[in-house]
Amino acid sequence: MDWELQEQDERIRDRELCDFVPERVFDAHLHLYAADHFDGAGPALTRSGPATAGWEEYQSRIRQILPAREIRGLAFAYPATNVRFDVANRFVSQQVQSVGALGQMLVHPDMDLDFLRESVRSGGYRGLKPYHLFS
């Protein structure tokens, strides 16, 4: 797995981040996913990481980089041409609602407006993350 903190990462953290990054951090761009959110293999970054990268996994990994920080964020599904929007968005919604974080719904131009309205209400999303599907 490529998602392991390396010695050079620790040196950069200690030299560049620890004295610079405040105690409270808001990560405005983070992806949550599970391997079964994709039809076929997911993108390379998801294949080199854990099978499921939910909120707890994110917190565990980010605390290696930014220890002793309160980390909040805005999460959305991993955009890919083969992502299954329904399950990926539902996963993000469940993950962020359970911890009081924020989520965006990954959307594409073919989604029905009534479906979007209802999904935003029921999923507790704070925004929409457009994704253009290339055919």
N, C-alpha and C. Protein backbone atom coordinates (compact mmCIF):
# COMPACT_ATOMS: atom_id res chain seq x y z
N MET A 1 0.84 -1.17 0.00
CA MET A 1 0.00 0.00 0.00
C MET A 1 0.90 1.24 0.00
N ASP A 2 0.60 2.18 -0.88
CA ASP A 2 1.40 3.40 -1.02
C ASP A 2 1.02 4.48 -0.02
N TRP A 3 0.04 4.24 0.80
CA TRP A 3 -0.45 5.26 1.70
C TRP A 3 0.26 5.24 3.05
N GLU A 4 1.47 4.79 3.10
CA GLU A 4 2.22 4.73 4.35
C GLU A 4 3.08 5.96 4.51
N LEU A 5 3.12 6.50 5.71
CA LEU A 5 3.96 7.65 6.01
C LEU A 5 5.42 7.21 5.99
N GLN A 6 6.21 7.87 5.18
CA GLN A 6 7.62 7.55 5.03
C GLN A 6 8.48 8.46 5.91
N GLU A 7 9.72 8.08 6.09
CA GLU A 7 10.64 8.88 6.90
C GLU A 7 10.77 10.30 6.36
N GLN A 8 10.84 10.46 5.04
CA GLN A 8 10.96 11.80 4.46
C GLN A 8 9.68 12.62 4.71
N ASP A 9 8.54 11.95 4.77
CA ASP A 9 7.28 12.64 5.09
C ASP A 9 7.34 13.19 6.52
N GLU A 10 7.87 12.38 7.43
CA GLU A 10 7.98 12.81 8.82
C GLU A 10 8.93 14.00 8.95
N ARG A 11 10.02 13.96 8.20
CA ARG A 11 10.96 15.09 8.24
C ARG A 11 10.31 16.37 7.73
N ILE A 12 9.57 16.28 6.63
CA ILE A 12 8.88 17.46 6.09
C ILE A 12 7.84 17.95 7.09
N ARG A 13 7.07 17.03 7.66
CA ARG A 13 6.08 17.39 8.67
C ARG A 13 6.73 18.15 9.82
N ASP A 14 7.79 17.57 10.36
CA ASP A 14 8.45 18.18 11.52
C ASP A 14 9.08 19.53 11.18
N ARG A 15 9.65 19.64 9.99
CA ARG A 15 10.34 20.87 9.59
C ARG A 15 9.37 21.95 9.10
N GLU A 16 8.35 21.58 8.34
CA GLU A 16 7.52 22.56 7.65
C GLU A 16 6.12 22.75 8.23
N LEU A 17 5.55 21.72 8.82
CA LEU A 17 4.14 21.79 9.18
C LEU A 17 3.85 22.04 10.65
N CYS A 18 4.56 21.37 11.53
CA CYS A 18 4.20 21.40 12.95
C CYS A 18 4.11 22.80 13.53
N ASP A 19 5.02 23.68 13.17
CA ASP A 19 4.98 25.04 13.70
C ASP A 19 4.11 25.98 12.87
N PHE A 20 3.70 25.54 11.70
CA PHE A 20 2.96 26.40 10.78
C PHE A 20 1.45 26.17 10.81
N VAL A 21 1.03 24.92 10.84
CA VAL A 21 -0.39 24.58 10.75
C VAL A 21 -1.07 24.84 12.09
N PRO A 22 -2.20 25.56 12.07
CA PRO A 22 -2.90 25.87 13.33
C PRO A 22 -3.49 24.62 13.98
N GLU A 23 -3.96 24.77 15.21
CA GLU A 23 -4.52 23.63 15.95
C GLU A 23 -5.84 23.15 15.38
N ARG A 24 -6.60 24.06 14.76
CA ARG A 24 -7.86 23.69 14.12
C ARG A 24 -7.69 23.85 12.61
N VAL A 25 -8.04 22.78 11.88
CA VAL A 25 -7.84 22.75 10.43
C VAL A 25 -9.15 22.35 9.75
N PHE A 26 -9.44 23.01 8.64
CA PHE A 26 -10.57 22.61 7.80
C PHE A 26 -10.02 22.22 6.44
N ASP A 27 -10.15 20.95 6.12
CA ASP A 27 -9.70 20.42 4.83
C ASP A 27 -10.86 20.58 3.85
N ALA A 28 -10.74 21.49 2.91
CA ALA A 28 -11.84 21.83 2.01
C ALA A 28 -11.97 20.89 0.82
N HIS A 29 -11.14 19.85 0.76
CA HIS A 29 -11.20 18.96 -0.40
C HIS A 29 -10.66 17.59 -0.02
N LEU A 30 -11.57 16.69 0.34
CA LEU A 30 -11.13 15.34 0.67
C LEU A 30 -12.10 14.33 0.09
N HIS A 31 -11.56 13.21 -0.35
CA HIS A 31 -12.36 12.16 -0.99
C HIS A 31 -12.52 10.98 -0.04
N LEU A 32 -13.74 10.45 0.00
CA LEU A 32 -14.02 9.21 0.70
C LEU A 32 -14.52 8.21 -0.33
N TYR A 33 -14.16 6.95 -0.15
CA TYR A 33 -14.54 5.94 -1.15
C TYR A 33 -14.46 4.55 -0.55
N ALA A 34 -15.04 3.62 -1.27
CA ALA A 34 -14.84 2.19 -1.04
C ALA A 34 -14.61 1.56 -2.41
N ALA A 35 -13.86 0.49 -2.45
CA ALA A 35 -13.51 -0.13 -3.73
C ALA A 35 -14.73 -0.54 -4.53
N ASP A 36 -15.82 -0.90 -3.85
CA ASP A 36 -17.02 -1.34 -4.58
C ASP A 36 -17.85 -0.18 -5.13
N HIS A 37 -17.37 1.03 -5.01
CA HIS A 37 -18.05 2.20 -5.60
C HIS A 37 -17.78 2.33 -7.09
N PHE A 38 -16.89 1.52 -7.59
CA PHE A 38 -16.49 1.61 -9.00
C PHE A 38 -16.90 0.36 -9.75
N ASP A 39 -17.32 0.55 -10.99
CA ASP A 39 -17.54 -0.59 -11.88
C ASP A 39 -16.18 -0.96 -12.42
N GLY A 40 -15.64 -2.06 -11.98
CA GLY A 40 -14.27 -2.44 -12.34
C GLY A 40 -13.30 -1.82 -11.36
N ALA A 41 -12.07 -1.72 -11.78
CA ALA A 41 -11.01 -1.18 -10.91
C ALA A 41 -11.19 0.33 -10.73
N GLY A 42 -10.95 0.79 -9.54
CA GLY A 42 -10.99 2.23 -9.28
C GLY A 42 -9.73 2.90 -9.79
N PRO A 43 -9.66 4.22 -9.67
CA PRO A 43 -8.46 4.96 -10.07
C PRO A 43 -7.22 4.48 -9.31
N ALA A 44 -6.06 4.74 -9.86
CA ALA A 44 -4.80 4.25 -9.30
C ALA A 44 -4.65 4.60 -7.82
N LEU A 45 -5.00 5.82 -7.44
CA LEU A 45 -4.84 6.22 -6.04
C LEU A 45 -5.70 5.38 -5.11
N THR A 46 -6.89 5.02 -5.54
CA THR A 46 -7.74 4.18 -4.70
C THR A 46 -7.23 2.74 -4.66
N ARG A 47 -6.63 2.28 -5.73
CA ARG A 47 -6.09 0.91 -5.76
C ARG A 47 -4.84 0.78 -4.89
N SER A 48 -4.12 1.88 -4.69
CA SER A 48 -2.90 1.82 -3.89
C SER A 48 -3.16 2.10 -2.41
N GLY A 49 -4.40 2.41 -2.08
CA GLY A 49 -4.75 2.70 -0.70
C GLY A 49 -5.61 1.61 -0.10
N PRO A 50 -6.24 1.91 1.02
CA PRO A 50 -7.10 0.91 1.66
C PRO A 50 -8.35 0.65 0.82
N ALA A 51 -8.97 -0.51 1.01
CA ALA A 51 -10.18 -0.86 0.27
C ALA A 51 -11.31 0.10 0.58
N THR A 52 -11.35 0.60 1.80
CA THR A 52 -12.35 1.58 2.21
C THR A 52 -11.63 2.74 2.87
N ALA A 53 -11.89 3.93 2.36
CA ALA A 53 -11.34 5.16 2.95
C ALA A 53 -12.52 6.03 3.38
N GLY A 54 -13.03 5.73 4.57
CA GLY A 54 -14.12 6.51 5.15
C GLY A 54 -13.56 7.57 6.09
N TRP A 55 -14.43 8.16 6.86
CA TRP A 55 -14.03 9.26 7.75
C TRP A 55 -12.99 8.82 8.78
N GLU A 56 -13.17 7.65 9.36
CA GLU A 56 -12.20 7.18 10.37
C GLU A 56 -10.83 6.96 9.76
N GLU A 57 -10.80 6.38 8.56
CA GLU A 57 -9.52 6.17 7.87
C GLU A 57 -8.86 7.52 7.57
N TYR A 58 -9.65 8.45 7.09
CA TYR A 58 -9.13 9.80 6.81
C TYR A 58 -8.52 10.40 8.08
N GLN A 59 -9.26 10.34 9.18
CA GLN A 59 -8.77 10.91 10.43
C GLN A 59 -7.47 10.23 10.88
N SER A 60 -7.42 8.93 10.76
CA SER A 60 -6.22 8.19 11.14
C SER A 60 -5.01 8.63 10.32
N ARG A 61 -5.21 8.75 9.01
CA ARG A 61 -4.10 9.13 8.12
C ARG A 61 -3.69 10.59 8.30
N ILE A 62 -4.65 11.48 8.41
CA ILE A 62 -4.31 12.90 8.50
C ILE A 62 -3.65 13.21 9.86
N ARG A 63 -3.98 12.45 10.88
CA ARG A 63 -3.35 12.67 12.19
C ARG A 63 -1.89 12.22 12.19
N GLN A 64 -1.52 11.35 11.26
CA GLN A 64 -0.10 11.01 11.13
C GLN A 64 0.67 12.21 10.59
N ILE A 65 0.01 12.97 9.73
CA ILE A 65 0.65 14.13 9.12
C ILE A 65 0.53 15.36 10.02
N LEU A 66 -0.64 15.51 10.65
CA LEU A 66 -0.90 16.68 11.49
C LEU A 66 -1.36 16.23 12.88
N PRO A 67 -0.43 15.74 13.68
CA PRO A 67 -0.82 15.26 15.02
C PRO A 67 -1.30 16.41 15.89
N ALA A 68 -2.13 16.07 16.86
CA ALA A 68 -2.63 17.03 17.85
C ALA A 68 -3.37 18.19 17.21
N ARG A 69 -4.10 17.91 16.12
CA ARG A 69 -4.90 18.94 15.48
C ARG A 69 -6.36 18.47 15.44
N GLU A 70 -7.26 19.42 15.51
CA GLU A 70 -8.68 19.14 15.29
C GLU A 70 -8.92 19.30 13.79
N ILE A 71 -9.26 18.23 13.13
CA ILE A 71 -9.40 18.23 11.68
C ILE A 71 -10.87 18.03 11.31
N ARG A 72 -11.42 18.96 10.61
CA ARG A 72 -12.76 18.86 10.01
C ARG A 72 -12.59 18.94 8.52
N GLY A 73 -13.68 18.75 7.77
CA GLY A 73 -13.51 18.84 6.33
C GLY A 73 -14.79 18.77 5.54
N LEU A 74 -14.61 18.96 4.25
CA LEU A 74 -15.67 18.86 3.26
C LEU A 74 -15.34 17.68 2.36
N ALA A 75 -16.14 16.63 2.46
CA ALA A 75 -15.84 15.38 1.77
C ALA A 75 -16.79 15.16 0.60
N PHE A 76 -16.27 14.47 -0.40
CA PHE A 76 -17.11 14.01 -1.50
C PHE A 76 -16.52 12.74 -2.08
N ALA A 77 -17.34 12.09 -2.89
CA ALA A 77 -16.93 10.81 -3.48
C ALA A 77 -15.77 11.02 -4.44
N TYR A 78 -15.06 9.94 -4.69
CA TYR A 78 -13.93 9.99 -5.61
C TYR A 78 -14.46 10.01 -7.04
N PRO A 79 -14.24 11.10 -7.78
CA PRO A 79 -14.77 11.17 -9.14
C PRO A 79 -13.95 10.32 -10.11
N ALA A 80 -14.64 9.52 -10.87
CA ALA A 80 -13.99 8.68 -11.88
C ALA A 80 -15.04 8.33 -12.93
N THR A 81 -14.60 8.01 -14.11
CA THR A 81 -15.55 7.69 -15.17
C THR A 81 -16.37 6.45 -14.85
N ASN A 82 -15.87 5.59 -13.96
CA ASN A 82 -16.61 4.37 -13.64
C ASN A 82 -17.17 4.37 -12.22
N VAL A 83 -17.28 5.53 -11.58
CA VAL A 83 -17.84 5.59 -10.24
C VAL A 83 -19.35 5.38 -10.31
N ARG A 84 -19.86 4.66 -9.36
CA ARG A 84 -21.32 4.48 -9.23
C ARG A 84 -21.80 5.59 -8.29
N PHE A 85 -22.33 6.64 -8.87
CA PHE A 85 -22.69 7.84 -8.14
C PHE A 85 -23.61 7.55 -6.96
N ASP A 86 -24.59 6.70 -7.14
CA ASP A 86 -25.57 6.44 -6.08
C ASP A 86 -24.92 5.89 -4.82
N VAL A 87 -24.14 4.82 -4.95
CA VAL A 87 -23.53 4.22 -3.75
C VAL A 87 -22.41 5.09 -3.19
N ALA A 88 -21.66 5.74 -4.06
CA ALA A 88 -20.57 6.60 -3.60
C ALA A 88 -21.11 7.80 -2.82
N ASN A 89 -22.15 8.43 -3.33
CA ASN A 89 -22.75 9.57 -2.63
C ASN A 89 -23.39 9.14 -1.32
N ARG A 90 -24.08 8.02 -1.32
CA ARG A 90 -24.71 7.53 -0.09
C ARG A 90 -23.64 7.26 0.98
N PHE A 91 -22.53 6.68 0.58
CA PHE A 91 -21.43 6.40 1.50
C PHE A 91 -20.91 7.70 2.13
N VAL A 92 -20.67 8.70 1.30
CA VAL A 92 -20.18 9.98 1.82
C VAL A 92 -21.19 10.58 2.80
N SER A 93 -22.45 10.56 2.42
CA SER A 93 -23.49 11.10 3.29
C SER A 93 -23.49 10.40 4.65
N GLN A 94 -23.45 9.08 4.64
CA GLN A 94 -23.44 8.32 5.89
C GLN A 94 -22.19 8.63 6.72
N GLN A 95 -21.06 8.71 6.07
CA GLN A 95 -19.80 8.96 6.77
C GLN A 95 -19.79 10.33 7.45
N VAL A 96 -20.18 11.36 6.73
CA VAL A 96 -20.08 12.71 7.30
C VAL A 96 -21.18 12.99 8.31
N GLN A 97 -22.37 12.47 8.07
CA GLN A 97 -23.46 12.71 9.02
C GLN A 97 -23.17 12.06 10.36
N SER A 98 -22.48 10.93 10.36
CA SER A 98 -22.22 10.23 11.61
C SER A 98 -21.22 10.95 12.50
N VAL A 99 -20.45 11.89 11.92
CA VAL A 99 -19.44 12.60 12.72
C VAL A 99 -19.64 14.11 12.72
N GLY A 100 -20.69 14.59 12.07
CA GLY A 100 -20.94 16.02 12.04
C GLY A 100 -20.04 16.79 11.09
N ALA A 101 -19.50 16.10 10.09
CA ALA A 101 -18.66 16.77 9.09
C ALA A 101 -19.56 17.24 7.93
N LEU A 102 -18.97 17.76 6.90
CA LEU A 102 -19.70 18.27 5.75
C LEU A 102 -19.46 17.41 4.52
N GLY A 103 -20.48 17.31 3.66
CA GLY A 103 -20.35 16.54 2.45
C GLY A 103 -20.92 17.26 1.25
N GLN A 104 -20.35 16.97 0.11
CA GLN A 104 -20.88 17.43 -1.17
C GLN A 104 -21.34 16.22 -1.95
N MET A 105 -22.38 16.42 -2.73
CA MET A 105 -22.89 15.34 -3.57
C MET A 105 -22.23 15.43 -4.93
N LEU A 106 -21.64 14.33 -5.35
CA LEU A 106 -21.04 14.25 -6.69
C LEU A 106 -22.18 14.12 -7.69
N VAL A 107 -22.24 15.04 -8.64
CA VAL A 107 -23.35 15.06 -9.60
C VAL A 107 -22.84 15.06 -11.03
N HIS A 108 -23.73 14.67 -11.94
CA HIS A 108 -23.40 14.74 -13.37
C HIS A 108 -24.59 15.36 -14.10
N PRO A 109 -24.40 15.86 -15.31
CA PRO A 109 -25.43 16.61 -16.02
C PRO A 109 -26.72 15.84 -16.30
N ASP A 110 -26.69 14.53 -16.31
CA ASP A 110 -27.89 13.76 -16.62
C ASP A 110 -28.78 13.49 -15.42
N MET A 111 -28.39 13.95 -14.24
CA MET A 111 -29.21 13.70 -13.05
C MET A 111 -30.46 14.57 -13.08
N ASP A 112 -31.57 13.96 -12.70
CA ASP A 112 -32.86 14.63 -12.64
C ASP A 112 -32.87 15.67 -11.52
N LEU A 113 -33.43 16.86 -11.80
CA LEU A 113 -33.44 17.94 -10.81
C LEU A 113 -34.23 17.59 -9.56
N ASP A 114 -35.35 16.93 -9.71
CA ASP A 114 -36.13 16.53 -8.53
C ASP A 114 -35.35 15.53 -7.68
N PHE A 115 -34.67 14.61 -8.34
CA PHE A 115 -33.81 13.65 -7.64
C PHE A 115 -32.71 14.39 -6.88
N LEU A 116 -32.10 15.38 -7.51
CA LEU A 116 -31.04 16.16 -6.85
C LEU A 116 -31.57 16.88 -5.62
N ARG A 117 -32.71 17.54 -5.77
CA ARG A 117 -33.29 18.27 -4.62
C ARG A 117 -33.54 17.34 -3.45
N GLU A 118 -34.19 16.21 -3.72
CA GLU A 118 -34.51 15.27 -2.65
C GLU A 118 -33.23 14.67 -2.06
N SER A 119 -32.27 14.36 -2.89
CA SER A 119 -31.02 13.78 -2.40
C SER A 119 -30.26 14.75 -1.52
N VAL A 120 -30.23 16.01 -1.90
CA VAL A 120 -29.54 17.01 -1.09
C VAL A 120 -30.22 17.13 0.27
N ARG A 121 -31.54 17.17 0.27
CA ARG A 121 -32.28 17.27 1.54
C ARG A 121 -32.05 16.04 2.42
N SER A 122 -32.25 14.87 1.84
CA SER A 122 -32.17 13.65 2.64
C SER A 122 -30.74 13.28 2.99
N GLY A 123 -29.79 13.62 2.14
CA GLY A 123 -28.39 13.27 2.38
C GLY A 123 -27.63 14.28 3.21
N GLY A 124 -28.24 15.43 3.47
CA GLY A 124 -27.58 16.45 4.29
C GLY A 124 -26.37 17.09 3.62
N TYR A 125 -26.34 17.08 2.31
CA TYR A 125 -25.20 17.65 1.59
C TYR A 125 -25.18 19.17 1.73
N ARG A 126 -23.98 19.72 1.73
CA ARG A 126 -23.78 21.17 1.81
C ARG A 126 -23.51 21.79 0.45
N GLY A 127 -23.37 20.96 -0.56
CA GLY A 127 -23.11 21.48 -1.89
C GLY A 127 -23.10 20.36 -2.90
N LEU A 128 -22.90 20.77 -4.14
CA LEU A 128 -22.82 19.82 -5.25
C LEU A 128 -21.44 19.90 -5.87
N LYS A 129 -20.88 18.77 -6.19
CA LYS A 129 -19.59 18.69 -6.84
C LYS A 129 -19.83 18.17 -8.26
N PRO A 130 -19.84 19.07 -9.26
CA PRO A 130 -20.11 18.62 -10.63
C PRO A 130 -19.00 17.73 -11.17
N TYR A 131 -19.42 16.73 -11.91
CA TYR A 131 -18.48 15.85 -12.58
C TYR A 131 -19.02 15.58 -13.97
N HIS A 132 -18.23 15.89 -14.96
CA HIS A 132 -18.63 15.66 -16.34
C HIS A 132 -18.21 14.26 -16.74
N LEU A 133 -19.17 13.49 -17.17
CA LEU A 133 -18.87 12.13 -17.61
C LEU A 133 -18.40 12.16 -19.05
N PHE A 134 -17.23 11.68 -19.29
CA PHE A 134 -16.71 11.62 -20.64
C PHE A 134 -17.15 10.31 -21.27
N SER A 135 -17.71 10.38 -22.48
CA SER A 135 -18.15 9.15 -23.12
C SER A 135 -17.27 8.80 -24.29
